[in-house]
Amino acid sequence: MSTLSITGSLLLSLLSPAMAGEPASATVETHDLDLAVPEDQTRLETRVRSAARRICATNSRSIADLQFERECIANALSGAMPAAERAIAEAQAGQRVRSAARARGARSAIR
């Protein structure tokens, strides 16, 4: 998997007519990350959180808009983080398979 998709629910048109319309989305690149490595897992989480903040930004400081942003970010993260966690789990499983294959190969070479 080289990208994750994040969607922010921007359908709360009661807060502002400018926010009405289709949900916004963002793509988070993962092709440059090794998700079996903890540092890259943290980078992915940072990218997901940044994308959620970007698509939920109202560029307003009213209390209603700040509340909307918090709720939108929470919704976007609840949708995106399971996909990120699956990508990490798949990378870790792949790493375990590769490590086991290398260990089998090393035992074969010793014989």
C-alpha atoms as a PDB file:
ATOM      1  CA  MET A   1       0.000   0.000   0.000  1.00  0.00           C
ATOM      2  CA  SER A   2       1.512   3.304  -0.998  1.00  0.00           C
ATOM      3  CA  THR A   3      -1.229   5.728   0.037  1.00  0.00           C
ATOM      4  CA  LEU A   4      -3.987   6.119   2.605  1.00  0.00           C
ATOM      5  CA  SER A   5      -7.122   8.127   1.996  1.00  0.00           C
ATOM      6  CA  ILE A   6      -8.567  10.409   4.657  1.00  0.00           C
ATOM      7  CA  THR A   7     -12.025  11.919   4.551  1.00  0.00           C
ATOM      8  CA  GLY A   8     -13.264  14.714   6.770  1.00  0.00           C
ATOM      9  CA  SER A   9     -16.952  15.145   7.266  1.00  0.00           C
ATOM     10  CA  LEU A  10     -17.560  18.681   6.086  1.00  0.00           C
ATOM     11  CA  LEU A  11     -21.303  18.237   5.791  1.00  0.00           C
ATOM     12  CA  LEU A  12     -22.124  20.238   8.913  1.00  0.00           C
ATOM     13  CA  SER A  13     -23.538  23.083   6.845  1.00  0.00           C
ATOM     14  CA  LEU A  14     -25.361  24.540   9.839  1.00  0.00           C
ATOM     15  CA  LEU A  15     -22.066  25.982  11.040  1.00  0.00           C
ATOM     16  CA  SER A  16     -21.247  27.825   7.843  1.00  0.00           C
ATOM     17  CA  PRO A  17     -22.651  27.750   4.315  1.00  0.00           C
ATOM     18  CA  ALA A  18     -19.052  27.765   3.041  1.00  0.00           C
ATOM     19  CA  MET A  19     -18.561  24.334   4.623  1.00  0.00           C
ATOM     20  CA  ALA A  20     -21.519  22.715   2.864  1.00  0.00           C
ATOM     21  CA  GLY A  21     -20.875  20.205   0.115  1.00  0.00           C
ATOM     22  CA  GLU A  22     -18.998  16.999  -0.449  1.00  0.00           C
ATOM     23  CA  PRO A  23     -16.662  15.582   2.186  1.00  0.00           C
ATOM     24  CA  ALA A  24     -13.076  16.721   1.718  1.00  0.00           C
ATOM     25  CA  SER A  25     -10.372  14.112   1.393  1.00  0.00           C
ATOM     26  CA  ALA A  26      -6.613  13.877   1.361  1.00  0.00           C
ATOM     27  CA  THR A  27      -4.121  11.254   0.309  1.00  0.00           C
ATOM     28  CA  VAL A  28      -1.276  10.350   2.638  1.00  0.00           C
ATOM     29  CA  GLU A  29       1.790   9.003   0.865  1.00  0.00           C
ATOM     30  CA  THR A  30       3.412   5.930   2.395  1.00  0.00           C
ATOM     31  CA  HIS A  31       5.646   4.708  -0.440  1.00  0.00           C
ATOM     32  CA  ASP A  32       8.725   6.235   1.178  1.00  0.00           C
ATOM     33  CA  LEU A  33       8.074   4.642   4.578  1.00  0.00           C
ATOM     34  CA  ASP A  34       9.065   1.251   5.948  1.00  0.00           C
ATOM     35  CA  LEU A  35       6.074   0.668   8.195  1.00  0.00           C
ATOM     36  CA  ALA A  36       7.838  -2.201   9.967  1.00  0.00           C
ATOM     37  CA  VAL A  37      10.132   0.439  11.532  1.00  0.00           C
ATOM     38  CA  PRO A  38       8.803   2.354  14.582  1.00  0.00           C
ATOM     39  CA  GLU A  39      10.185   5.709  13.382  1.00  0.00           C
ATOM     40  CA  ASP A  40       8.301   5.419  10.088  1.00  0.00           C
ATOM     41  CA  GLN A  41       5.153   4.348  11.920  1.00  0.00           C
ATOM     42  CA  THR A  42       5.380   7.616  13.855  1.00  0.00           C
ATOM     43  CA  ARG A  43       5.922   9.528  10.600  1.00  0.00           C
ATOM     44  CA  LEU A  44       2.772   7.942   9.167  1.00  0.00           C
ATOM     45  CA  GLU A  45       0.739   8.940  12.219  1.00  0.00           C
ATOM     46  CA  THR A  46       2.074  12.494  11.935  1.00  0.00           C
ATOM     47  CA  ARG A  47       1.143  12.618   8.242  1.00  0.00           C
ATOM     48  CA  VAL A  48      -2.362  11.314   8.955  1.00  0.00           C
ATOM     49  CA  ARG A  49      -2.904  13.874  11.731  1.00  0.00           C
ATOM     50  CA  SER A  50      -1.572  16.697   9.526  1.00  0.00           C
ATOM     51  CA  ALA A  51      -3.847  15.685   6.658  1.00  0.00           C
ATOM     52  CA  ALA A  52      -6.843  15.560   8.993  1.00  0.00           C
ATOM     53  CA  ARG A  53      -6.059  19.062  10.278  1.00  0.00           C
ATOM     54  CA  ARG A  54      -5.636  20.304   6.697  1.00  0.00           C
ATOM     55  CA  ILE A  55      -8.944  18.991   5.396  1.00  0.00           C
ATOM     56  CA  CYS A  56     -10.843  20.126   8.488  1.00  0.00           C
ATOM     57  CA  ALA A  57      -9.405  23.638   8.737  1.00  0.00           C
ATOM     58  CA  THR A  58     -12.010  26.394   8.681  1.00  0.00           C
ATOM     59  CA  ASN A  59      -9.465  29.234   8.939  1.00  0.00           C
ATOM     60  CA  SER A  60     -11.772  30.793  11.483  1.00  0.00           C
ATOM     61  CA  ARG A  61     -11.352  31.290  15.193  1.00  0.00           C
ATOM     62  CA  SER A  62     -15.007  31.385  16.183  1.00  0.00           C
ATOM     63  CA  ILE A  63     -15.966  28.985  18.942  1.00  0.00           C
ATOM     64  CA  ALA A  64     -18.394  27.157  16.648  1.00  0.00           C
ATOM     65  CA  ASP A  65     -15.774  26.723  13.931  1.00  0.00           C
ATOM     66  CA  LEU A  66     -13.112  25.551  16.395  1.00  0.00           C
ATOM     67  CA  GLN A  67     -15.575  22.984  17.758  1.00  0.00           C
ATOM     68  CA  PHE A  68     -16.357  21.901  14.201  1.00  0.00           C
ATOM     69  CA  GLU A  69     -12.636  21.497  13.462  1.00  0.00           C
ATOM     70  CA  ARG A  70     -12.125  19.334  16.561  1.00  0.00           C
ATOM     71  CA  GLU A  71     -15.080  17.106  15.665  1.00  0.00           C
ATOM     72  CA  CYS A  72     -14.047  16.886  12.022  1.00  0.00           C
ATOM     73  CA  ILE A  73     -10.468  15.944  12.947  1.00  0.00           C
ATOM     74  CA  ALA A  74     -11.716  13.307  15.383  1.00  0.00           C
ATOM     75  CA  ASN A  75     -14.005  11.837  12.700  1.00  0.00           C
ATOM     76  CA  ALA A  76     -11.275  11.913  10.057  1.00  0.00           C
ATOM     77  CA  LEU A  77      -8.815  10.194  12.394  1.00  0.00           C
ATOM     78  CA  SER A  78     -11.342   7.562  13.437  1.00  0.00           C
ATOM     79  CA  GLY A  79     -11.759   6.736   9.762  1.00  0.00           C
ATOM     80  CA  ALA A  80      -8.102   6.900   8.773  1.00  0.00           C
ATOM     81  CA  MET A  81      -6.231   5.406  11.715  1.00  0.00           C
ATOM     82  CA  PRO A  82      -7.620   1.872  11.266  1.00  0.00           C
ATOM     83  CA  ALA A  83      -6.286   1.907   7.685  1.00  0.00           C
ATOM     84  CA  ALA A  84      -2.912   3.148   8.948  1.00  0.00           C
ATOM     85  CA  GLU A  85      -2.878   0.460  11.635  1.00  0.00           C
ATOM     86  CA  ARG A  86      -3.696  -2.215   9.015  1.00  0.00           C
ATOM     87  CA  ALA A  87      -0.855  -0.973   6.814  1.00  0.00           C
ATOM     88  CA  ILE A  88       1.531  -1.154   9.777  1.00  0.00           C
ATOM     89  CA  ALA A  89       0.324  -4.650  10.712  1.00  0.00           C
ATOM     90  CA  GLU A  90       0.785  -5.837   7.120  1.00  0.00           C
ATOM     91  CA  ALA A  91       4.309  -4.411   7.022  1.00  0.00           C
ATOM     92  CA  GLN A  92       5.184  -6.048  10.330  1.00  0.00           C
ATOM     93  CA  ALA A  93       3.748  -9.385   9.178  1.00  0.00           C
ATOM     94  CA  GLY A  94       5.762  -9.128   5.972  1.00  0.00           C
ATOM     95  CA  GLN A  95       8.888  -8.377   7.985  1.00  0.00           C
ATOM     96  CA  ARG A  96       8.297 -11.458  10.159  1.00  0.00           C
ATOM     97  CA  VAL A  97       7.848 -13.624   7.052  1.00  0.00           C
ATOM     98  CA  ARG A  98      11.048 -12.246   5.506  1.00  0.00           C
ATOM     99  CA  SER A  99      12.958 -12.772   8.774  1.00  0.00           C
ATOM    100  CA  ALA A 100      11.718 -16.350   9.062  1.00  0.00           C
ATOM    101  CA  ALA A 101      12.707 -17.063   5.448  1.00  0.00           C
ATOM    102  CA  ARG A 102      16.195 -15.637   6.065  1.00  0.00           C
ATOM    103  CA  ALA A 103      16.534 -17.778   9.200  1.00  0.00           C
ATOM    104  CA  ARG A 104      15.509 -20.905   7.268  1.00  0.00           C
ATOM    105  CA  GLY A 105      18.007 -19.996   4.570  1.00  0.00           C
ATOM    106  CA  ALA A 106      20.787 -19.514   7.103  1.00  0.00           C
ATOM    107  CA  ARG A 107      20.054 -22.887   8.712  1.00  0.00           C
ATOM    108  CA  SER A 108      20.144 -24.536   5.273  1.00  0.00           C
ATOM    109  CA  ALA A 109      23.508 -22.935   4.473  1.00  0.00           C
ATOM    110  CA  ILE A 110      25.029 -24.250   7.719  1.00  0.00           C
ATOM    111  CA  ARG A 111      24.211 -27.887   6.916  1.00  0.00           C
END
